């Protein structure tokens, strides 16, 4: 994780916290050699979904499923609190 942070921080090393969430997500989504699973999968029993997967409507006008609609509502609720 330290090597990943070093790739992004500036010379003053005062902006490392801006990249921490993205780097942690990357780590948690990556398959680990010891378990052959990602930490996210072991914790939640499913693969992580990226924000792009929560798009409510595509260009063709097709609606998404109810599960996606509920997930978007959960994300909105988390951001407000």
Protein backbone atom coordinates (compact mmCIF):
# COMPACT_ATOMS: atom_id res chain seq x y z
CA UNK A 1 0.00 0.00 0.00
CA UNK A 2 2.88 2.33 0.75
CA UNK A 3 4.27 1.84 -2.77
CA UNK A 4 0.90 2.75 -4.27
CA UNK A 5 0.70 5.93 -2.20
CA UNK A 6 4.21 6.94 -3.21
CA UNK A 7 3.13 6.91 -6.87
CA UNK A 8 0.51 9.59 -6.25
CA UNK A 9 1.70 11.95 -3.54
CA UNK A 10 3.42 15.23 -4.38
CA UNK A 11 6.90 16.36 -3.30
CA UNK A 12 5.64 17.86 -0.03
CA UNK A 13 3.85 14.60 0.84
CA UNK A 14 0.87 16.50 2.19
CA UNK A 15 -1.83 15.11 -0.11
CA UNK A 16 -1.59 11.38 0.57
CA UNK A 17 -4.98 11.31 2.28
CA UNK A 18 -6.69 12.32 -0.97
CA UNK A 19 -5.75 8.98 -2.53
CA UNK A 20 -6.19 6.68 0.44
CA UNK A 21 -9.82 5.64 -0.22
CA UNK A 22 -9.12 4.72 -3.84
CA UNK A 23 -6.03 2.73 -2.91
CA UNK A 24 -7.86 0.90 -0.11
CA UNK A 25 -10.70 0.03 -2.49
CA UNK A 26 -8.18 -1.29 -4.98
CA UNK A 27 -6.58 -3.46 -2.30
CA UNK A 28 -9.89 -4.74 -0.97
CA UNK A 29 -11.06 -5.66 -4.46
CA UNK A 30 -7.85 -7.49 -5.47
CA UNK A 31 -7.49 -11.24 -5.22
CA UNK A 32 -5.05 -12.20 -2.45
CA UNK A 33 -2.52 -14.98 -3.02
CA UNK A 34 -3.11 -16.61 0.36
CA UNK A 35 -6.91 -16.96 0.09
CA UNK A 36 -7.42 -16.79 -3.69
CA UNK A 37 -10.28 -14.34 -2.95
CA UNK A 38 -10.52 -10.60 -2.49
CA UNK A 39 -11.05 -9.24 1.04
CA UNK A 40 -14.30 -7.66 -0.22
CA UNK A 41 -15.59 -11.04 -1.41
CA UNK A 42 -14.69 -12.72 1.87
CA UNK A 43 -16.46 -10.01 3.83
CA UNK A 44 -19.63 -9.63 1.75
CA UNK A 45 -19.85 -12.87 -0.27
CA UNK A 46 -20.00 -11.05 -3.62
CA UNK A 47 -17.78 -9.06 -5.95
CA UNK A 48 -17.55 -5.30 -5.50
CA UNK A 49 -19.61 -3.15 -7.85
CA UNK A 50 -18.18 0.02 -9.29
CA UNK A 51 -20.13 3.29 -9.33
CA UNK A 52 -20.51 3.08 -13.11
CA UNK A 53 -22.58 -0.06 -12.60
CA UNK A 54 -25.20 1.97 -10.76
CA UNK A 55 -26.22 4.01 -13.78
CA UNK A 56 -30.00 4.38 -13.57
CA UNK A 57 -30.73 4.51 -17.28
CA UNK A 58 -28.62 3.83 -20.31
CA UNK A 59 -28.78 5.76 -23.57
CA UNK A 60 -31.40 3.35 -24.99
CA UNK A 61 -33.85 4.28 -22.22
CA UNK A 62 -33.79 0.87 -20.54
CA UNK A 63 -34.42 1.00 -16.81
CA UNK A 64 -32.16 -0.81 -14.38
CA UNK A 65 -33.32 -3.52 -12.02
CA UNK A 66 -34.77 -2.96 -8.54
CA UNK A 67 -31.54 -4.07 -6.83
CA UNK A 68 -29.62 -1.28 -8.56
CA UNK A 69 -32.32 1.26 -7.65
CA UNK A 70 -32.09 0.21 -3.98
CA UNK A 71 -28.30 0.43 -4.06
CA UNK A 72 -28.45 3.96 -5.42
CA UNK A 73 -30.84 4.89 -2.62
CA UNK A 74 -28.44 3.41 -0.06
CA UNK A 75 -25.52 5.35 -1.52
CA UNK A 76 -27.52 8.59 -1.43
CA UNK A 77 -28.50 7.96 2.18
CA UNK A 78 -24.88 7.36 3.18
CA UNK A 79 -23.71 10.56 1.52
CA UNK A 80 -26.34 12.69 3.31
CA UNK A 81 -25.50 11.42 6.78
